[in-house]
C-alpha atoms as a PDB file:
ATOM      1  CA  UNK A   1      -0.006   0.046   0.005  1.00  0.00           C
ATOM      2  CA  UNK A   2       1.782   3.274  -1.383  1.00  0.00           C
ATOM      3  CA  UNK A   3       1.699   6.633   1.666  1.00  0.00           C
ATOM      4  CA  UNK A   4      -1.876   7.656  -0.251  1.00  0.00           C
ATOM      5  CA  UNK A   5      -3.565   4.938   0.256  1.00  0.00           C
ATOM      6  CA  UNK A   6      -2.568   4.689   4.001  1.00  0.00           C
ATOM      7  CA  UNK A   7      -3.342   8.061   4.916  1.00  0.00           C
ATOM      8  CA  UNK A   8      -6.425   8.065   3.557  1.00  0.00           C
ATOM      9  CA  UNK A   9      -7.393   4.365   5.364  1.00  0.00           C
ATOM     10  CA  UNK A  10      -6.243   6.194   8.743  1.00  0.00           C
ATOM     11  CA  UNK A  11      -8.659   9.089   8.028  1.00  0.00           C
ATOM     12  CA  UNK A  12     -12.118   8.976   9.640  1.00  0.00           C
ATOM     13  CA  UNK A  13     -14.955   7.570   7.836  1.00  0.00           C
ATOM     14  CA  UNK A  14     -17.277  10.331   6.968  1.00  0.00           C
ATOM     15  CA  UNK A  15     -13.842  12.565   5.430  1.00  0.00           C
ATOM     16  CA  UNK A  16     -12.889   9.493   3.690  1.00  0.00           C
ATOM     17  CA  UNK A  17     -16.858   9.848   2.132  1.00  0.00           C
ATOM     18  CA  UNK A  18     -16.784  13.230   1.698  1.00  0.00           C
ATOM     19  CA  UNK A  19     -13.203  12.699  -0.346  1.00  0.00           C
ATOM     20  CA  UNK A  20     -15.165  10.272  -2.179  1.00  0.00           C
ATOM     21  CA  UNK A  21     -18.091  12.256  -3.345  1.00  0.00           C
ATOM     22  CA  UNK A  22     -16.523  14.784  -4.325  1.00  0.00           C
ATOM     23  CA  UNK A  23     -14.437  12.806  -6.673  1.00  0.00           C
ATOM     24  CA  UNK A  24     -17.183  11.025  -8.092  1.00  0.00           C
ATOM     25  CA  UNK A  25     -19.072  14.776  -8.716  1.00  0.00           C
ATOM     26  CA  UNK A  26     -16.074  15.706 -10.241  1.00  0.00           C
ATOM     27  CA  UNK A  27     -15.523  12.968 -12.606  1.00  0.00           C
ATOM     28  CA  UNK A  28     -19.525  13.469 -13.277  1.00  0.00           C
ATOM     29  CA  UNK A  29     -19.276  16.828 -13.785  1.00  0.00           C
ATOM     30  CA  UNK A  30     -16.547  16.418 -16.547  1.00  0.00           C
ATOM     31  CA  UNK A  31     -17.919  13.578 -18.206  1.00  0.00           C
ATOM     32  CA  UNK A  32     -20.896  15.938 -18.572  1.00  0.00           C
ATOM     33  CA  UNK A  33     -19.707  19.095 -19.173  1.00  0.00           C
ATOM     34  CA  UNK A  34     -21.340  19.704 -22.787  1.00  0.00           C
ATOM     35  CA  UNK A  35     -24.628  19.463 -20.819  1.00  0.00           C
ATOM     36  CA  UNK A  36     -24.552  22.280 -19.411  1.00  0.00           C
ATOM     37  CA  UNK A  37     -25.303  20.832 -16.140  1.00  0.00           C
ATOM     38  CA  UNK A  38     -23.591  21.044 -12.360  1.00  0.00           C
ATOM     39  CA  UNK A  39     -23.950  18.475  -9.878  1.00  0.00           C
ATOM     40  CA  UNK A  40     -26.590  20.317  -8.086  1.00  0.00           C
ATOM     41  CA  UNK A  41     -28.662  20.962 -11.368  1.00  0.00           C
ATOM     42  CA  UNK A  42     -27.747  16.543 -12.264  1.00  0.00           C
ATOM     43  CA  UNK A  43     -29.354  15.480  -8.553  1.00  0.00           C
ATOM     44  CA  UNK A  44     -32.431  17.565  -8.948  1.00  0.00           C
ATOM     45  CA  UNK A  45     -33.502  16.479 -12.444  1.00  0.00           C
ATOM     46  CA  UNK A  46     -32.770  12.203 -11.120  1.00  0.00           C
ATOM     47  CA  UNK A  47     -34.474  13.087  -8.128  1.00  0.00           C
ATOM     48  CA  UNK A  48     -37.722  14.552  -9.895  1.00  0.00           C
ATOM     49  CA  UNK A  49     -37.207  11.351 -12.632  1.00  0.00           C
ATOM     50  CA  UNK A  50     -37.659   9.386  -9.286  1.00  0.00           C
ATOM     51  CA  UNK A  51     -40.600  11.475  -7.891  1.00  0.00           C
ATOM     52  CA  UNK A  52     -42.465  11.904 -10.835  1.00  0.00           C
ATOM     53  CA  UNK A  53     -44.479  14.672 -12.656  1.00  0.00           C
ATOM     54  CA  UNK A  54     -45.581  17.130 -10.302  1.00  0.00           C
ATOM     55  CA  UNK A  55     -44.159  17.669  -7.707  1.00  0.00           C
ATOM     56  CA  UNK A  56     -44.009  20.656  -5.422  1.00  0.00           C
ATOM     57  CA  UNK A  57     -40.487  22.886  -4.820  1.00  0.00           C
ATOM     58  CA  UNK A  58     -41.178  21.420  -1.010  1.00  0.00           C
ATOM     59  CA  UNK A  59     -41.252  18.507  -1.591  1.00  0.00           C
ATOM     60  CA  UNK A  60     -38.633  18.242  -3.777  1.00  0.00           C
ATOM     61  CA  UNK A  61     -36.457  20.500  -0.731  1.00  0.00           C
ATOM     62  CA  UNK A  62     -37.038  18.060   1.528  1.00  0.00           C
ATOM     63  CA  UNK A  63     -36.367  15.252  -0.605  1.00  0.00           C
ATOM     64  CA  UNK A  64     -32.732  16.470  -1.550  1.00  0.00           C
ATOM     65  CA  UNK A  65     -32.460  17.783   2.016  1.00  0.00           C
ATOM     66  CA  UNK A  66     -31.029  21.369   0.873  1.00  0.00           C
ATOM     67  CA  UNK A  67     -32.566  24.588   1.515  1.00  0.00           C
ATOM     68  CA  UNK A  68     -34.963  26.314  -0.783  1.00  0.00           C
ATOM     69  CA  UNK A  69     -32.520  30.052  -2.262  1.00  0.00           C
ATOM     70  CA  UNK A  70     -30.033  26.936  -3.460  1.00  0.00           C
ATOM     71  CA  UNK A  71     -32.891  25.117  -4.800  1.00  0.00           C
ATOM     72  CA  UNK A  72     -34.615  27.843  -6.443  1.00  0.00           C
ATOM     73  CA  UNK A  73     -31.218  29.062  -8.243  1.00  0.00           C
ATOM     74  CA  UNK A  74     -31.009  25.249  -9.539  1.00  0.00           C
ATOM     75  CA  UNK A  75     -34.544  25.368 -10.952  1.00  0.00           C
ATOM     76  CA  UNK A  76     -34.247  28.471 -12.647  1.00  0.00           C
ATOM     77  CA  UNK A  77     -31.054  27.506 -14.635  1.00  0.00           C
ATOM     78  CA  UNK A  78     -32.596  24.518 -15.406  1.00  0.00           C
ATOM     79  CA  UNK A  79     -35.644  26.181 -16.227  1.00  0.00           C
ATOM     80  CA  UNK A  80     -33.694  28.692 -18.275  1.00  0.00           C
ATOM     81  CA  UNK A  81     -31.729  25.553 -20.040  1.00  0.00           C
ATOM     82  CA  UNK A  82     -35.430  24.386 -20.990  1.00  0.00           C
ATOM     83  CA  UNK A  83     -34.643  21.026 -19.316  1.00  0.00           C
ATOM     84  CA  UNK A  84     -37.861  22.088 -16.968  1.00  0.00           C
ATOM     85  CA  UNK A  85     -41.219  23.898 -16.845  1.00  0.00           C
ATOM     86  CA  UNK A  86     -42.389  25.054 -13.465  1.00  0.00           C
ATOM     87  CA  UNK A  87     -46.208  25.194 -13.172  1.00  0.00           C
ATOM     88  CA  UNK A  88     -49.281  26.854 -10.435  1.00  0.00           C
ATOM     89  CA  UNK A  89     -50.861  23.755  -8.439  1.00  0.00           C
ATOM     90  CA  UNK A  90     -54.500  24.259  -9.499  1.00  0.00           C
ATOM     91  CA  UNK A  91     -55.594  23.995  -6.248  1.00  0.00           C
ATOM     92  CA  UNK A  92     -53.538  26.140  -4.514  1.00  0.00           C
ATOM     93  CA  UNK A  93     -51.861  28.926  -6.013  1.00  0.00           C
ATOM     94  CA  UNK A  94     -48.762  29.289  -3.844  1.00  0.00           C
ATOM     95  CA  UNK A  95     -47.138  25.726  -4.529  1.00  0.00           C
ATOM     96  CA  UNK A  96     -45.039  25.651  -7.328  1.00  0.00           C
ATOM     97  CA  UNK A  97     -45.164  22.304  -9.915  1.00  0.00           C
ATOM     98  CA  UNK A  98     -42.054  20.585 -11.110  1.00  0.00           C
ATOM     99  CA  UNK A  99     -41.943  18.599 -14.221  1.00  0.00           C
ATOM    100  CA  UNK A 100     -38.981  17.826 -16.611  1.00  0.00           C
ATOM    101  CA  UNK A 101     -39.502  18.721 -20.246  1.00  0.00           C
ATOM    102  CA  UNK A 102     -38.737  16.313 -23.213  1.00  0.00           C
ATOM    103  CA  UNK A 103     -35.512  17.594 -23.494  1.00  0.00           C
ATOM    104  CA  UNK A 104     -34.808  17.330 -20.003  1.00  0.00           C
ATOM    105  CA  UNK A 105     -35.495  13.612 -20.432  1.00  0.00           C
ATOM    106  CA  UNK A 106     -33.418  13.083 -23.325  1.00  0.00           C
ATOM    107  CA  UNK A 107     -30.473  15.135 -21.131  1.00  0.00           C
ATOM    108  CA  UNK A 108     -30.912  13.132 -18.529  1.00  0.00           C
ATOM    109  CA  UNK A 109     -31.321   9.242 -20.038  1.00  0.00           C
ATOM    110  CA  UNK A 110     -27.954  10.410 -21.407  1.00  0.00           C
ATOM    111  CA  UNK A 111     -26.672  11.321 -18.217  1.00  0.00           C
ATOM    112  CA  UNK A 112     -27.666   8.098 -16.574  1.00  0.00           C
ATOM    113  CA  UNK A 113     -25.959   6.468 -18.989  1.00  0.00           C
ATOM    114  CA  UNK A 114     -22.763   8.486 -18.234  1.00  0.00           C
ATOM    115  CA  UNK A 115     -22.609   7.926 -14.089  1.00  0.00           C
ATOM    116  CA  UNK A 116     -24.011   3.890 -15.096  1.00  0.00           C
ATOM    117  CA  UNK A 117     -20.404   3.967 -17.001  1.00  0.00           C
ATOM    118  CA  UNK A 118     -18.541   5.404 -14.577  1.00  0.00           C
ATOM    119  CA  UNK A 119     -20.467   3.343 -11.673  1.00  0.00           C
ATOM    120  CA  UNK A 120     -19.422   0.132 -13.546  1.00  0.00           C
ATOM    121  CA  UNK A 121     -15.668   1.484 -13.740  1.00  0.00           C
ATOM    122  CA  UNK A 122     -15.651   2.318 -10.058  1.00  0.00           C
ATOM    123  CA  UNK A 123     -16.785  -1.156  -9.156  1.00  0.00           C
ATOM    124  CA  UNK A 124     -14.297  -2.820 -11.475  1.00  0.00           C
ATOM    125  CA  UNK A 125     -12.275  -5.494  -9.257  1.00  0.00           C
ATOM    126  CA  UNK A 126     -14.782  -5.203  -6.603  1.00  0.00           C
ATOM    127  CA  UNK A 127     -17.277  -8.673  -6.394  1.00  0.00           C
ATOM    128  CA  UNK A 128     -20.869  -8.134  -6.739  1.00  0.00           C
ATOM    129  CA  UNK A 129     -21.673  -9.522  -3.223  1.00  0.00           C
ATOM    130  CA  UNK A 130     -19.295  -6.618  -1.947  1.00  0.00           C
ATOM    131  CA  UNK A 131     -20.714  -3.969  -3.748  1.00  0.00           C
ATOM    132  CA  UNK A 132     -23.991  -5.353  -2.400  1.00  0.00           C
ATOM    133  CA  UNK A 133     -22.759  -5.498   1.608  1.00  0.00           C
ATOM    134  CA  UNK A 134     -21.693  -1.617   0.405  1.00  0.00           C
ATOM    135  CA  UNK A 135     -24.961  -0.270  -0.983  1.00  0.00           C
ATOM    136  CA  UNK A 136     -26.722  -2.519   2.525  1.00  0.00           C
ATOM    137  CA  UNK A 137     -24.183  -0.361   4.544  1.00  0.00           C
ATOM    138  CA  UNK A 138     -24.651   3.080   2.921  1.00  0.00           C
ATOM    139  CA  UNK A 139     -28.295   2.701   3.059  1.00  0.00           C
ATOM    140  CA  UNK A 140     -28.205   1.875   6.770  1.00  0.00           C
ATOM    141  CA  UNK A 141     -25.738   5.039   7.212  1.00  0.00           C
ATOM    142  CA  UNK A 142     -27.894   6.938   5.826  1.00  0.00           C
ATOM    143  CA  UNK A 143     -30.862   6.040   7.664  1.00  0.00           C
ATOM    144  CA  UNK A 144     -29.142   6.018  10.941  1.00  0.00           C
ATOM    145  CA  UNK A 145     -28.265   9.447   9.811  1.00  0.00           C
ATOM    146  CA  UNK A 146     -31.892  10.547   9.158  1.00  0.00           C
ATOM    147  CA  UNK A 147     -32.453   9.035  12.520  1.00  0.00           C
ATOM    148  CA  UNK A 148     -29.896  11.269  14.460  1.00  0.00           C
ATOM    149  CA  UNK A 149     -30.957  14.300  12.839  1.00  0.00           C
ATOM    150  CA  UNK A 150     -34.643  13.823  13.724  1.00  0.00           C
ATOM    151  CA  UNK A 151     -33.312  13.163  17.351  1.00  0.00           C
ATOM    152  CA  UNK A 152     -31.220  15.990  17.487  1.00  0.00           C
ATOM    153  CA  UNK A 153     -33.409  17.986  16.636  1.00  0.00           C
ATOM    154  CA  UNK A 154     -36.373  17.790  19.387  1.00  0.00           C
ATOM    155  CA  UNK A 155     -36.591  20.342  21.283  1.00  0.00           C
ATOM    156  CA  UNK A 156     -37.844  19.587  24.830  1.00  0.00           C
END
């Protein structure tokens, strides 16, 4: 094991996860540069695709786990690029609903293919069983973090 690997292995788990996430985002951002999408915009688009059409802005913010001001900037950018349509709810004029446009769905399809390709590349030399365990472990860590946040945000 070289020095860089040894140093990485000794860092706290959260720090290692953050470093990997930064590297992952950088690789994907470089690969999709020509789409004009940023990390925040492609994650929002992927989330919208999973949630389906006519998602409210507040619902998206909650699922994404981000504050409204940065989300609103990302949504404006996606709308200007023609990837997103914002409409007013017919039931409540205060609620904005979000839908991907056909152009948004097309660019998201390309993006998904890019991500799948890189996922295969970064998964090389890792046994499928280990990837399943890793995925389950990530899911449990996310669940534990949600529980911690809920517990720590409770006021007496």
